[in-house]
Amino acid sequence: MVPASTLTNVLTFGEPMVVCIPETRGRLSGVDQYRMDCAGAELNTAIGLARLGIPVSFAASVGDDPFGERIRCALRGAGVDARLVETAAEGATGLYFKQWSGLRGDTQVFYYRKTSPMALGAWRTDPVLATLRSKQYGWVHATGITWMLGEPARVHAEALLKEAAAQQLPVSFDINIRLKLAPLDAWRALLISVLPRVRWLLLGDTEAALLFGTDDPAEVEQRARADGFSGLGVLVKQGERGATTSVAGELTSVPAFPVDTVVDTVGAGDGFNAGWIAGMLHGLDPTAALRLGAYVGACAVTGSGDWREYPDWHDAKLALRGESGVSR
C-alpha cells in the first residue's frame, strides 16, 4: 500500500447536478413525492475517490442558487476539495429526474441542463489550468459528457485535457455515452479526437459495441489504437460479467460482486471508476484494483442515490479480503 501522506492527488471536472428521486416507482406524471440529492458522473467519481482515501479536487461551475450551494456542501462534506467549483451569475444549476417504470422498473432520466452555467459557457477554467501547471495533481479523470454540454464546455474541456497531456499527467477518460445529449456519430468523433491524449480508456461493454462494433476488450484496444490511442490500456466494464482490462493485448479480468437486489444502476459505472483509480493509486496489483472497482460498482446499485452507497476505504479493504466488520 502507498502511505497516505504520499497518495497522488486527482483532478476531475464536469457538470454537477441536483437529482430528484421519486419516492415510488411508476411514470413521473403520477408521482407526487421526491427526495433531492446531488449527482453527475464526475461528481460521483470524485466522492467515490474521497471515500476511498484518495485526495481529490473537483472543478465545475454551478448557479448562484440553493442547488449550487447544496452541491458545494455535499462535496465538502464528502471530503472533496471544492475550491475550483465556481458560482456563476449566469445560468441555473442543472437538474434531472429519475423514473423507474416498466415491468423491470428500468431507470430512465430526464435532464434539465441546457441553461446551466457550464452549458452556457459561464465557466472560468483559467484557475483550473493554473493548478494543472503548478504540479498539484498526479492523475486527471474526465468523461465525454462535459464535451457534449455545448460548444463552450467543449472548448474548456479540450483545453484542460490538452494541458494535462502537456504536463504528462495520466488521464483516464470514460466516454460515458448519453444519447440524450448527442447522437452516436458525435460521440464517435469525440472519442477519436481525445484518444491521443488519454492514458486509460474506460467504457462499458454496450458503449464498446456501439463505438467499435465489439465488446471484446482485446479487440477494443486494437481498434482504439488504430484510431490514434497510444496509452497504456483499455478497461471494459461488463456489468454482471465483471470487468476486464486489456494492456497490449494482455487481459486481466474479475467477476462482478453478487448483489441480491438491484435498486438503481445509475452511478455504478462512476463508482467503478473511483474504485479502480483508487486501487491503482493505493498501489494495488491490477487484479485487486479491478476488484475494488467491481466492489464499489456493486455497492452503488443497492440504493437509489447515485453515490450514497459507495463504501469507505475501511469497508472496501475488508470486502477485498472477504471479511466483514463486527456488527455488534
C-alpha atoms as a PDB file:
ATOM      1  CA  MET A   1       0.000   0.000   0.000  1.00  0.00           C
ATOM      2  CA  VAL A   2       1.091   3.578  -0.683  1.00  0.00           C
ATOM      3  CA  PRO A   3       1.451   5.658   2.527  1.00  0.00           C
ATOM      4  CA  ALA A   4      -1.437   8.106   2.911  1.00  0.00           C
ATOM      5  CA  SER A   5       0.966  11.057   3.057  1.00  0.00           C
ATOM      6  CA  THR A   6       2.266  10.308  -0.444  1.00  0.00           C
ATOM      7  CA  LEU A   7      -1.002   9.454  -2.236  1.00  0.00           C
ATOM      8  CA  THR A   8      -1.487  11.068  -5.638  1.00  0.00           C
ATOM      9  CA  ASN A   9      -3.923  13.966  -5.922  1.00  0.00           C
ATOM     10  CA  VAL A  10      -6.630  13.530  -8.545  1.00  0.00           C
ATOM     11  CA  LEU A  11      -8.402  16.249 -10.503  1.00  0.00           C
ATOM     12  CA  THR A  12     -11.753  15.636 -12.139  1.00  0.00           C
ATOM     13  CA  PHE A  13     -14.124  18.093 -13.762  1.00  0.00           C
ATOM     14  CA  GLY A  14     -17.643  18.101 -15.135  1.00  0.00           C
ATOM     15  CA  GLU A  15     -21.167  19.357 -14.660  1.00  0.00           C
ATOM     16  CA  PRO A  16     -22.686  18.631 -11.237  1.00  0.00           C
ATOM     17  CA  MET A  17     -26.445  18.462 -10.976  1.00  0.00           C
ATOM     18  CA  VAL A  18     -29.228  18.062  -8.494  1.00  0.00           C
ATOM     19  CA  VAL A  19     -31.256  14.885  -8.956  1.00  0.00           C
ATOM     20  CA  CYS A  20     -34.882  14.421  -7.925  1.00  0.00           C
ATOM     21  CA  ILE A  21     -35.502  10.823  -6.926  1.00  0.00           C
ATOM     22  CA  PRO A  22     -39.134   9.626  -6.825  1.00  0.00           C
ATOM     23  CA  GLU A  23     -40.367   8.008  -3.651  1.00  0.00           C
ATOM     24  CA  THR A  24     -42.339   5.443  -5.652  1.00  0.00           C
ATOM     25  CA  ARG A  25     -41.954   3.584  -8.924  1.00  0.00           C
ATOM     26  CA  GLY A  26     -44.028   4.445 -11.973  1.00  0.00           C
ATOM     27  CA  ARG A  27     -44.241   7.201 -14.532  1.00  0.00           C
ATOM     28  CA  LEU A  28     -43.357  10.627 -13.188  1.00  0.00           C
ATOM     29  CA  SER A  29     -46.704  12.017 -14.300  1.00  0.00           C
ATOM     30  CA  GLY A  30     -48.210  10.063 -11.414  1.00  0.00           C
ATOM     31  CA  VAL A  31     -45.506  10.635  -8.796  1.00  0.00           C
ATOM     32  CA  ASP A  32     -46.120  13.250  -6.109  1.00  0.00           C
ATOM     33  CA  GLN A  33     -43.135  13.000  -3.764  1.00  0.00           C
ATOM     34  CA  TYR A  34     -39.396  13.171  -4.413  1.00  0.00           C
ATOM     35  CA  ARG A  35     -36.217  13.482  -2.439  1.00  0.00           C
ATOM     36  CA  MET A  36     -33.307  15.556  -3.618  1.00  0.00           C
ATOM     37  CA  ASP A  37     -29.628  14.670  -3.903  1.00  0.00           C
ATOM     38  CA  CYS A  38     -26.512  15.720  -5.784  1.00  0.00           C
ATOM     39  CA  ALA A  39     -25.232  13.856  -8.823  1.00  0.00           C
ATOM     40  CA  GLY A  40     -23.245  13.965 -12.052  1.00  0.00           C
ATOM     41  CA  ALA A  41     -20.793  11.395 -13.378  1.00  0.00           C
ATOM     42  CA  GLU A  42     -17.642  13.250 -12.365  1.00  0.00           C
ATOM     43  CA  LEU A  43     -19.052  14.365  -9.010  1.00  0.00           C
ATOM     44  CA  ASN A  44     -19.920  10.733  -8.271  1.00  0.00           C
ATOM     45  CA  THR A  45     -16.379   9.611  -9.069  1.00  0.00           C
ATOM     46  CA  ALA A  46     -14.870  12.416  -7.001  1.00  0.00           C
ATOM     47  CA  ILE A  47     -16.911  11.438  -3.949  1.00  0.00           C
ATOM     48  CA  GLY A  48     -16.094   7.779  -4.504  1.00  0.00           C
ATOM     49  CA  LEU A  49     -12.378   8.591  -4.573  1.00  0.00           C
ATOM     50  CA  ALA A  50     -12.584  10.700  -1.421  1.00  0.00           C
ATOM     51  CA  ARG A  51     -14.372   7.914   0.431  1.00  0.00           C
ATOM     52  CA  LEU A  52     -11.574   5.564  -0.568  1.00  0.00           C
ATOM     53  CA  GLY A  53      -8.927   7.824   0.917  1.00  0.00           C
ATOM     54  CA  ILE A  54      -7.707   9.488  -2.290  1.00  0.00           C
ATOM     55  CA  PRO A  55      -7.156  13.270  -2.208  1.00  0.00           C
ATOM     56  CA  VAL A  56      -9.337  14.664  -4.990  1.00  0.00           C
ATOM     57  CA  SER A  57     -10.303  18.072  -6.363  1.00  0.00           C
ATOM     58  CA  PHE A  58     -13.412  18.796  -8.385  1.00  0.00           C
ATOM     59  CA  ALA A  59     -13.710  21.639 -10.904  1.00  0.00           C
ATOM     60  CA  ALA A  60     -17.033  22.942 -12.201  1.00  0.00           C
ATOM     61  CA  SER A  61     -19.401  25.872 -12.352  1.00  0.00           C
ATOM     62  CA  VAL A  62     -22.783  25.971 -10.623  1.00  0.00           C
ATOM     63  CA  GLY A  63     -25.567  28.507 -10.451  1.00  0.00           C
ATOM     64  CA  ASP A  64     -25.880  31.166  -7.796  1.00  0.00           C
ATOM     65  CA  ASP A  65     -28.851  29.336  -6.336  1.00  0.00           C
ATOM     66  CA  PRO A  66     -29.708  26.931  -3.497  1.00  0.00           C
ATOM     67  CA  PHE A  67     -28.947  23.931  -5.716  1.00  0.00           C
ATOM     68  CA  GLY A  68     -25.416  25.131  -6.383  1.00  0.00           C
ATOM     69  CA  GLU A  69     -24.932  25.703  -2.669  1.00  0.00           C
ATOM     70  CA  ARG A  70     -26.173  22.203  -1.941  1.00  0.00           C
ATOM     71  CA  ILE A  71     -23.659  20.732  -4.385  1.00  0.00           C
ATOM     72  CA  ARG A  72     -20.742  22.608  -2.832  1.00  0.00           C
ATOM     73  CA  CYS A  73     -21.815  21.481   0.646  1.00  0.00           C
ATOM     74  CA  ALA A  74     -22.149  17.862  -0.476  1.00  0.00           C
ATOM     75  CA  LEU A  75     -18.664  17.878  -1.982  1.00  0.00           C
ATOM     76  CA  ARG A  76     -17.067  19.444   1.083  1.00  0.00           C
ATOM     77  CA  GLY A  77     -18.959  17.089   3.371  1.00  0.00           C
ATOM     78  CA  ALA A  78     -17.623  14.114   1.417  1.00  0.00           C
ATOM     79  CA  GLY A  79     -14.036  15.323   1.733  1.00  0.00           C
ATOM     80  CA  VAL A  80     -13.654  16.587  -1.847  1.00  0.00           C
ATOM     81  CA  ASP A  81     -11.664  19.786  -2.426  1.00  0.00           C
ATOM     82  CA  ALA A  82     -14.334  22.064  -3.939  1.00  0.00           C
ATOM     83  CA  ARG A  83     -12.300  25.271  -4.216  1.00  0.00           C
ATOM     84  CA  LEU A  84     -12.436  25.031  -8.017  1.00  0.00           C
ATOM     85  CA  VAL A  85     -16.252  24.920  -8.039  1.00  0.00           C
ATOM     86  CA  GLU A  86     -17.270  28.376  -9.199  1.00  0.00           C
ATOM     87  CA  THR A  87     -20.550  30.149  -8.599  1.00  0.00           C
ATOM     88  CA  ALA A  88     -21.737  31.767 -11.825  1.00  0.00           C
ATOM     89  CA  ALA A  89     -24.160  34.664 -12.077  1.00  0.00           C
ATOM     90  CA  GLU A  90     -25.326  33.359 -15.442  1.00  0.00           C
ATOM     91  CA  GLY A  91     -27.398  30.194 -15.694  1.00  0.00           C
ATOM     92  CA  ALA A  92     -29.058  27.896 -13.186  1.00  0.00           C
ATOM     93  CA  THR A  93     -27.672  24.704 -11.698  1.00  0.00           C
ATOM     94  CA  GLY A  94     -28.695  21.727 -13.823  1.00  0.00           C
ATOM     95  CA  LEU A  95     -31.006  19.030 -12.546  1.00  0.00           C
ATOM     96  CA  TYR A  96     -32.517  15.775 -13.632  1.00  0.00           C
ATOM     97  CA  PHE A  97     -35.318  13.449 -12.605  1.00  0.00           C
ATOM     98  CA  LYS A  98     -35.161   9.670 -12.303  1.00  0.00           C
ATOM     99  CA  GLN A  99     -38.039   7.429 -13.290  1.00  0.00           C
ATOM    100  CA  TRP A 100     -38.452   3.710 -12.630  1.00  0.00           C
ATOM    101  CA  SER A 101     -41.142   2.230 -14.830  1.00  0.00           C
ATOM    102  CA  GLY A 102     -41.993  -0.785 -16.948  1.00  0.00           C
ATOM    103  CA  LEU A 103     -42.084  -4.444 -15.986  1.00  0.00           C
ATOM    104  CA  ARG A 104     -38.477  -4.426 -14.772  1.00  0.00           C
ATOM    105  CA  GLY A 105     -38.511  -0.987 -13.240  1.00  0.00           C
ATOM    106  CA  ASP A 106     -35.690   0.191 -15.511  1.00  0.00           C
ATOM    107  CA  THR A 107     -34.199   3.606 -14.786  1.00  0.00           C
ATOM    108  CA  GLN A 108     -34.882   6.473 -17.152  1.00  0.00           C
ATOM    109  CA  VAL A 109     -33.615  10.011 -16.681  1.00  0.00           C
ATOM    110  CA  PHE A 110     -34.942  13.400 -17.789  1.00  0.00           C
ATOM    111  CA  TYR A 111     -32.372  16.201 -17.989  1.00  0.00           C
ATOM    112  CA  TYR A 112     -32.907  19.926 -17.462  1.00  0.00           C
ATOM    113  CA  ARG A 113     -29.420  21.276 -18.047  1.00  0.00           C
ATOM    114  CA  LYS A 114     -29.415  23.350 -21.249  1.00  0.00           C
ATOM    115  CA  THR A 115     -29.296  26.603 -19.275  1.00  0.00           C
ATOM    116  CA  SER A 116     -26.702  25.503 -16.738  1.00  0.00           C
ATOM    117  CA  PRO A 117     -23.602  27.701 -16.327  1.00  0.00           C
ATOM    118  CA  MET A 118     -21.340  25.141 -17.990  1.00  0.00           C
ATOM    119  CA  ALA A 119     -23.689  24.666 -20.942  1.00  0.00           C
ATOM    120  CA  LEU A 120     -23.877  28.434 -21.418  1.00  0.00           C
ATOM    121  CA  GLY A 121     -20.114  28.887 -21.126  1.00  0.00           C
ATOM    122  CA  ALA A 122     -20.148  30.571 -17.707  1.00  0.00           C
ATOM    123  CA  TRP A 123     -17.170  28.549 -16.512  1.00  0.00           C
ATOM    124  CA  ARG A 124     -13.755  30.115 -15.983  1.00  0.00           C
ATOM    125  CA  THR A 125     -11.127  27.427 -16.432  1.00  0.00           C
ATOM    126  CA  ASP A 126      -8.052  29.640 -16.019  1.00  0.00           C
ATOM    127  CA  PRO A 127      -7.796  28.751 -12.299  1.00  0.00           C
ATOM    128  CA  VAL A 128      -8.017  25.055 -13.178  1.00  0.00           C
ATOM    129  CA  LEU A 129      -5.323  25.385 -15.831  1.00  0.00           C
ATOM    130  CA  ALA A 130      -3.119  27.170 -13.299  1.00  0.00           C
ATOM    131  CA  THR A 131      -3.412  24.308 -10.828  1.00  0.00           C
ATOM    132  CA  LEU A 132      -2.526  21.817 -13.564  1.00  0.00           C
ATOM    133  CA  ARG A 133       0.597  23.807 -14.378  1.00  0.00           C
ATOM    134  CA  SER A 134       1.572  24.025 -10.716  1.00  0.00           C
ATOM    135  CA  LYS A 135       2.029  20.243 -10.496  1.00  0.00           C
ATOM    136  CA  GLN A 136      -0.654  19.797  -7.828  1.00  0.00           C
ATOM    137  CA  TYR A 137      -2.100  16.664  -9.425  1.00  0.00           C
ATOM    138  CA  GLY A 138      -0.805  13.295 -10.450  1.00  0.00           C
ATOM    139  CA  TRP A 139      -3.923  11.992 -12.219  1.00  0.00           C
ATOM    140  CA  VAL A 140      -6.774  13.564 -14.208  1.00  0.00           C
ATOM    141  CA  HIS A 141     -10.143  11.929 -14.820  1.00  0.00           C
ATOM    142  CA  ALA A 142     -12.692  13.141 -17.363  1.00  0.00           C
ATOM    143  CA  THR A 143     -15.799  11.926 -19.147  1.00  0.00           C
ATOM    144  CA  GLY A 144     -17.191  12.690 -22.563  1.00  0.00           C
ATOM    145  CA  ILE A 145     -20.305  14.215 -21.031  1.00  0.00           C
ATOM    146  CA  THR A 146     -18.570  17.557 -20.456  1.00  0.00           C
ATOM    147  CA  TRP A 147     -17.726  17.877 -24.162  1.00  0.00           C
ATOM    148  CA  MET A 148     -21.381  17.331 -25.097  1.00  0.00           C
ATOM    149  CA  LEU A 149     -22.889  20.057 -22.907  1.00  0.00           C
ATOM    150  CA  GLY A 150     -22.351  22.624 -25.641  1.00  0.00           C
ATOM    151  CA  GLU A 151     -19.604  24.299 -27.639  1.00  0.00           C
ATOM    152  CA  PRO A 152     -18.289  26.477 -24.759  1.00  0.00           C
ATOM    153  CA  ALA A 153     -17.960  23.470 -22.463  1.00  0.00           C
ATOM    154  CA  ARG A 154     -16.252  21.509 -25.229  1.00  0.00           C
ATOM    155  CA  VAL A 155     -13.639  24.231 -25.700  1.00  0.00           C
ATOM    156  CA  HIS A 156     -12.927  24.401 -21.971  1.00  0.00           C
ATOM    157  CA  ALA A 157     -12.761  20.630 -21.535  1.00  0.00           C
ATOM    158  CA  GLU A 158     -10.440  20.302 -24.515  1.00  0.00           C
ATOM    159  CA  ALA A 159      -8.135  22.948 -23.057  1.00  0.00           C
ATOM    160  CA  LEU A 160      -7.952  21.104 -19.741  1.00  0.00           C
ATOM    161  CA  LEU A 161      -7.211  17.781 -21.426  1.00  0.00           C
ATOM    162  CA  LYS A 162      -4.564  19.396 -23.619  1.00  0.00           C
ATOM    163  CA  GLU A 163      -2.870  20.928 -20.578  1.00  0.00           C
ATOM    164  CA  ALA A 164      -2.961  17.625 -18.699  1.00  0.00           C
ATOM    165  CA  ALA A 165      -1.236  15.994 -21.654  1.00  0.00           C
ATOM    166  CA  ALA A 166       1.316  18.811 -21.815  1.00  0.00           C
ATOM    167  CA  GLN A 167       2.105  18.176 -18.147  1.00  0.00           C
ATOM    168  CA  GLN A 168       2.420  14.442 -18.948  1.00  0.00           C
ATOM    169  CA  LEU A 169      -0.278  13.583 -16.434  1.00  0.00           C
ATOM    170  CA  PRO A 170      -2.027  10.227 -16.693  1.00  0.00           C
ATOM    171  CA  VAL A 171      -5.563  10.799 -17.945  1.00  0.00           C
ATOM    172  CA  SER A 172      -8.383   8.303 -17.530  1.00  0.00           C
ATOM    173  CA  PHE A 173     -11.263   9.008 -19.878  1.00  0.00           C
ATOM    174  CA  ASP A 174     -14.699   7.423 -19.650  1.00  0.00           C
ATOM    175  CA  ILE A 175     -16.658   8.087 -22.826  1.00  0.00           C
ATOM    176  CA  ASN A 176     -19.937   7.816 -20.832  1.00  0.00           C
ATOM    177  CA  ILE A 177     -22.287   7.975 -23.814  1.00  0.00           C
ATOM    178  CA  ARG A 178     -25.540   9.871 -23.236  1.00  0.00           C
ATOM    179  CA  LEU A 179     -27.604   9.741 -26.412  1.00  0.00           C
ATOM    180  CA  LYS A 180     -29.988  12.343 -24.970  1.00  0.00           C
ATOM    181  CA  LEU A 181     -27.094  14.810 -25.265  1.00  0.00           C
ATOM    182  CA  ALA A 182     -25.774  13.953 -28.733  1.00  0.00           C
ATOM    183  CA  PRO A 183     -26.129  11.302 -31.467  1.00  0.00           C
ATOM    184  CA  LEU A 184     -23.746   8.373 -31.706  1.00  0.00           C
ATOM    185  CA  ASP A 185     -21.670   9.809 -34.549  1.00  0.00           C
ATOM    186  CA  ALA A 186     -20.826  12.812 -32.355  1.00  0.00           C
ATOM    187  CA  TRP A 187     -19.597  10.516 -29.588  1.00  0.00           C
ATOM    188  CA  ARG A 188     -17.516   8.590 -32.098  1.00  0.00           C
ATOM    189  CA  ALA A 189     -15.925  11.819 -33.354  1.00  0.00           C
ATOM    190  CA  LEU A 190     -15.237  12.934 -29.790  1.00  0.00           C
ATOM    191  CA  LEU A 191     -13.550   9.669 -28.921  1.00  0.00           C
ATOM    192  CA  ILE A 192     -11.211   9.855 -31.906  1.00  0.00           C
ATOM    193  CA  SER A 193     -10.299  13.448 -31.029  1.00  0.00           C
ATOM    194  CA  VAL A 194      -9.317  12.688 -27.427  1.00  0.00           C
ATOM    195  CA  LEU A 195      -7.677   9.275 -27.826  1.00  0.00           C
ATOM    196  CA  PRO A 196      -4.145  10.613 -28.466  1.00  0.00           C
ATOM    197  CA  ARG A 197      -4.132  12.367 -25.061  1.00  0.00           C
ATOM    198  CA  VAL A 198      -5.617   9.548 -22.968  1.00  0.00           C
ATOM    199  CA  ARG A 199      -3.603   7.011 -20.992  1.00  0.00           C
ATOM    200  CA  TRP A 200      -6.538   4.817 -19.933  1.00  0.00           C
ATOM    201  CA  LEU A 201      -9.739   4.462 -21.959  1.00  0.00           C
ATOM    202  CA  LEU A 202     -12.738   3.409 -19.852  1.00  0.00           C
ATOM    203  CA  LEU A 203     -16.060   2.335 -21.319  1.00  0.00           C
ATOM    204  CA  GLY A 204     -18.949  -0.047 -20.826  1.00  0.00           C
ATOM    205  CA  ASP A 205     -19.456  -3.142 -22.939  1.00  0.00           C
ATOM    206  CA  THR A 206     -22.543  -1.645 -24.608  1.00  0.00           C
ATOM    207  CA  GLU A 207     -20.594   1.523 -25.418  1.00  0.00           C
ATOM    208  CA  ALA A 208     -17.726  -0.565 -26.799  1.00  0.00           C
ATOM    209  CA  ALA A 209     -20.114  -2.383 -29.117  1.00  0.00           C
ATOM    210  CA  LEU A 210     -21.616   0.906 -30.303  1.00  0.00           C
ATOM    211  CA  LEU A 211     -18.265   2.578 -30.929  1.00  0.00           C
ATOM    212  CA  PHE A 212     -16.070  -0.279 -32.090  1.00  0.00           C
ATOM    213  CA  GLY A 213     -18.508  -2.983 -33.199  1.00  0.00           C
ATOM    214  CA  THR A 214     -17.271  -5.352 -30.489  1.00  0.00           C
ATOM    215  CA  ASP A 215     -17.177  -5.615 -26.700  1.00  0.00           C
ATOM    216  CA  ASP A 216     -14.143  -7.920 -26.677  1.00  0.00           C
ATOM    217  CA  PRO A 217     -11.549  -5.946 -24.650  1.00  0.00           C
ATOM    218  CA  ALA A 218      -8.533  -7.029 -26.730  1.00  0.00           C
ATOM    219  CA  GLU A 219     -10.297  -6.097 -29.954  1.00  0.00           C
ATOM    220  CA  VAL A 220     -11.474  -2.812 -28.452  1.00  0.00           C
ATOM    221  CA  GLU A 221      -7.886  -1.951 -27.557  1.00  0.00           C
ATOM    222  CA  GLN A 222      -6.667  -2.921 -31.009  1.00  0.00           C
ATOM    223  CA  ARG A 223      -9.292  -0.790 -32.741  1.00  0.00           C
ATOM    224  CA  ALA A 224      -8.721   2.134 -30.372  1.00  0.00           C
ATOM    225  CA  ARG A 225      -5.009   2.048 -31.190  1.00  0.00           C
ATOM    226  CA  ALA A 226      -5.866   2.056 -34.877  1.00  0.00           C
ATOM    227  CA  ASP A 227      -7.826   5.265 -34.165  1.00  0.00           C
ATOM    228  CA  GLY A 228      -4.855   7.000 -32.500  1.00  0.00           C
ATOM    229  CA  PHE A 229      -4.834   5.646 -28.944  1.00  0.00           C
ATOM    230  CA  SER A 230      -1.270   5.285 -27.626  1.00  0.00           C
ATOM    231  CA  GLY A 231      -1.969   4.986 -23.912  1.00  0.00           C
ATOM    232  CA  LEU A 232      -1.438   2.111 -21.508  1.00  0.00           C
ATOM    233  CA  GLY A 233      -4.663   0.213 -21.922  1.00  0.00           C
ATOM    234  CA  VAL A 234      -8.415  -0.136 -22.119  1.00  0.00           C
ATOM    235  CA  LEU A 235     -10.851  -1.020 -19.339  1.00  0.00           C
ATOM    236  CA  VAL A 236     -14.211  -2.501 -20.332  1.00  0.00           C
ATOM    237  CA  LYS A 237     -16.918  -2.584 -17.662  1.00  0.00           C
ATOM    238  CA  GLN A 238     -19.067  -5.635 -18.340  1.00  0.00           C
ATOM    239  CA  GLY A 239     -21.933  -5.355 -15.863  1.00  0.00           C
ATOM    240  CA  GLU A 240     -22.916  -8.695 -14.392  1.00  0.00           C
ATOM    241  CA  ARG A 241     -19.887 -10.280 -16.078  1.00  0.00           C
ATOM    242  CA  GLY A 242     -17.420  -8.098 -14.163  1.00  0.00           C
ATOM    243  CA  ALA A 243     -14.684  -6.114 -15.883  1.00  0.00           C
ATOM    244  CA  THR A 244     -11.580  -6.597 -17.994  1.00  0.00           C
ATOM    245  CA  THR A 245      -8.508  -4.544 -18.831  1.00  0.00           C
ATOM    246  CA  SER A 246      -6.519  -5.045 -21.998  1.00  0.00           C
ATOM    247  CA  VAL A 247      -2.921  -3.811 -21.874  1.00  0.00           C
ATOM    248  CA  ALA A 248      -1.001  -4.528 -25.066  1.00  0.00           C
ATOM    249  CA  GLY A 249      -3.434  -7.392 -25.600  1.00  0.00           C
ATOM    250  CA  GLU A 250      -2.822  -8.929 -22.162  1.00  0.00           C
ATOM    251  CA  LEU A 251      -6.141  -9.392 -20.377  1.00  0.00           C
ATOM    252  CA  THR A 252      -6.916  -9.085 -16.685  1.00  0.00           C
ATOM    253  CA  SER A 253     -10.482  -9.930 -15.671  1.00  0.00           C
ATOM    254  CA  VAL A 254     -12.515 -10.013 -12.475  1.00  0.00           C
ATOM    255  CA  PRO A 255     -16.086 -11.220 -11.890  1.00  0.00           C
ATOM    256  CA  ALA A 256     -18.833  -8.967 -10.598  1.00  0.00           C
ATOM    257  CA  PHE A 257     -19.642  -8.955  -6.909  1.00  0.00           C
ATOM    258  CA  PRO A 258     -23.043 -10.626  -6.421  1.00  0.00           C
ATOM    259  CA  VAL A 259     -25.910  -8.334  -5.418  1.00  0.00           C
ATOM    260  CA  ASP A 260     -29.180  -9.713  -4.054  1.00  0.00           C
ATOM    261  CA  THR A 261     -31.381  -6.785  -5.088  1.00  0.00           C
ATOM    262  CA  VAL A 262     -30.535  -4.175  -7.714  1.00  0.00           C
ATOM    263  CA  VAL A 263     -32.319  -0.910  -6.899  1.00  0.00           C
ATOM    264  CA  ASP A 264     -30.794   1.505  -9.411  1.00  0.00           C
ATOM    265  CA  THR A 265     -27.781   1.173 -11.709  1.00  0.00           C
ATOM    266  CA  VAL A 266     -27.115   4.917 -12.128  1.00  0.00           C
ATOM    267  CA  GLY A 267     -23.757   5.726 -10.553  1.00  0.00           C
ATOM    268  CA  ALA A 268     -22.409   2.174 -10.776  1.00  0.00           C
ATOM    269  CA  GLY A 269     -20.002   2.922 -13.617  1.00  0.00           C
ATOM    270  CA  ASP A 270     -18.787   6.111 -11.932  1.00  0.00           C
ATOM    271  CA  GLY A 271     -18.274   4.160  -8.714  1.00  0.00           C
ATOM    272  CA  PHE A 272     -16.344   1.511 -10.611  1.00  0.00           C
ATOM    273  CA  ASN A 273     -14.088   4.247 -11.991  1.00  0.00           C
ATOM    274  CA  ALA A 274     -13.466   5.570  -8.488  1.00  0.00           C
ATOM    275  CA  GLY A 275     -12.682   2.136  -7.104  1.00  0.00           C
ATOM    276  CA  TRP A 276     -10.320   1.219  -9.919  1.00  0.00           C
ATOM    277  CA  ILE A 277      -8.461   4.553  -9.857  1.00  0.00           C
ATOM    278  CA  ALA A 278      -8.198   4.364  -6.060  1.00  0.00           C
ATOM    279  CA  GLY A 279      -6.854   0.839  -6.296  1.00  0.00           C
ATOM    280  CA  MET A 280      -4.211   1.924  -8.775  1.00  0.00           C
ATOM    281  CA  LEU A 281      -3.187   4.891  -6.625  1.00  0.00           C
ATOM    282  CA  HIS A 282      -3.147   2.833  -3.423  1.00  0.00           C
ATOM    283  CA  GLY A 283      -0.637   0.567  -5.142  1.00  0.00           C
ATOM    284  CA  LEU A 284      -2.846  -2.494  -5.525  1.00  0.00           C
ATOM    285  CA  ASP A 285      -1.977  -5.010  -8.204  1.00  0.00           C
ATOM    286  CA  PRO A 286      -4.082  -4.779 -11.414  1.00  0.00           C
ATOM    287  CA  THR A 287      -6.463  -7.571 -10.404  1.00  0.00           C
ATOM    288  CA  ALA A 288      -7.073  -6.125  -6.935  1.00  0.00           C
ATOM    289  CA  ALA A 289      -7.654  -2.665  -8.411  1.00  0.00           C
ATOM    290  CA  LEU A 290     -10.279  -4.115 -10.741  1.00  0.00           C
ATOM    291  CA  ARG A 291     -11.882  -5.980  -7.833  1.00  0.00           C
ATOM    292  CA  LEU A 292     -12.080  -2.743  -5.871  1.00  0.00           C
ATOM    293  CA  GLY A 293     -13.815  -1.106  -8.823  1.00  0.00           C
ATOM    294  CA  ALA A 294     -16.228  -4.024  -9.081  1.00  0.00           C
ATOM    295  CA  TYR A 295     -16.997  -3.800  -5.366  1.00  0.00           C
ATOM    296  CA  VAL A 296     -17.761  -0.067  -5.430  1.00  0.00           C
ATOM    297  CA  GLY A 297     -19.915  -0.537  -8.518  1.00  0.00           C
ATOM    298  CA  ALA A 298     -21.831  -3.337  -6.816  1.00  0.00           C
ATOM    299  CA  CYS A 299     -22.424  -1.214  -3.723  1.00  0.00           C
ATOM    300  CA  ALA A 300     -23.793   1.568  -5.920  1.00  0.00           C
ATOM    301  CA  VAL A 301     -26.702  -0.467  -7.286  1.00  0.00           C
ATOM    302  CA  THR A 302     -28.049  -1.311  -3.828  1.00  0.00           C
ATOM    303  CA  GLY A 303     -29.513   2.167  -3.299  1.00  0.00           C
ATOM    304  CA  SER A 304     -31.425   4.819  -5.239  1.00  0.00           C
ATOM    305  CA  GLY A 305     -28.858   7.582  -4.873  1.00  0.00           C
ATOM    306  CA  ASP A 306     -26.004   7.895  -7.342  1.00  0.00           C
ATOM    307  CA  TRP A 307     -23.203   7.695  -4.751  1.00  0.00           C
ATOM    308  CA  ARG A 308     -24.753   7.297  -1.303  1.00  0.00           C
ATOM    309  CA  GLU A 309     -23.935   3.579  -1.133  1.00  0.00           C
ATOM    310  CA  TYR A 310     -20.266   3.893  -2.104  1.00  0.00           C
ATOM    311  CA  PRO A 311     -18.068   2.296   0.594  1.00  0.00           C
ATOM    312  CA  ASP A 312     -15.275   3.894   2.561  1.00  0.00           C
ATOM    313  CA  TRP A 313     -11.692   2.621   2.423  1.00  0.00           C
ATOM    314  CA  HIS A 314     -12.004   0.587   5.630  1.00  0.00           C
ATOM    315  CA  ASP A 315     -15.052  -1.363   4.442  1.00  0.00           C
ATOM    316  CA  ALA A 316     -13.618  -1.766   0.952  1.00  0.00           C
ATOM    317  CA  LYS A 317     -10.432  -3.343   2.295  1.00  0.00           C
ATOM    318  CA  LEU A 318     -12.498  -5.788   4.340  1.00  0.00           C
ATOM    319  CA  ALA A 319     -14.536  -6.720   1.278  1.00  0.00           C
ATOM    320  CA  LEU A 320     -11.422  -7.323  -0.809  1.00  0.00           C
ATOM    321  CA  ARG A 321     -10.183  -9.700   1.896  1.00  0.00           C
ATOM    322  CA  GLY A 322     -13.558 -11.436   2.013  1.00  0.00           C
ATOM    323  CA  GLU A 323     -14.206 -10.192   5.536  1.00  0.00           C
ATOM    324  CA  SER A 324     -16.953  -8.184   7.182  1.00  0.00           C
ATOM    325  CA  GLY A 325     -16.905  -5.812  10.118  1.00  0.00           C
ATOM    326  CA  VAL A 326     -18.094  -6.619  13.631  1.00  0.00           C
ATOM    327  CA  SER A 327     -21.816  -5.831  13.662  1.00  0.00           C
ATOM    328  CA  ARG A 328     -22.371  -5.802  17.447  1.00  0.00           C
END
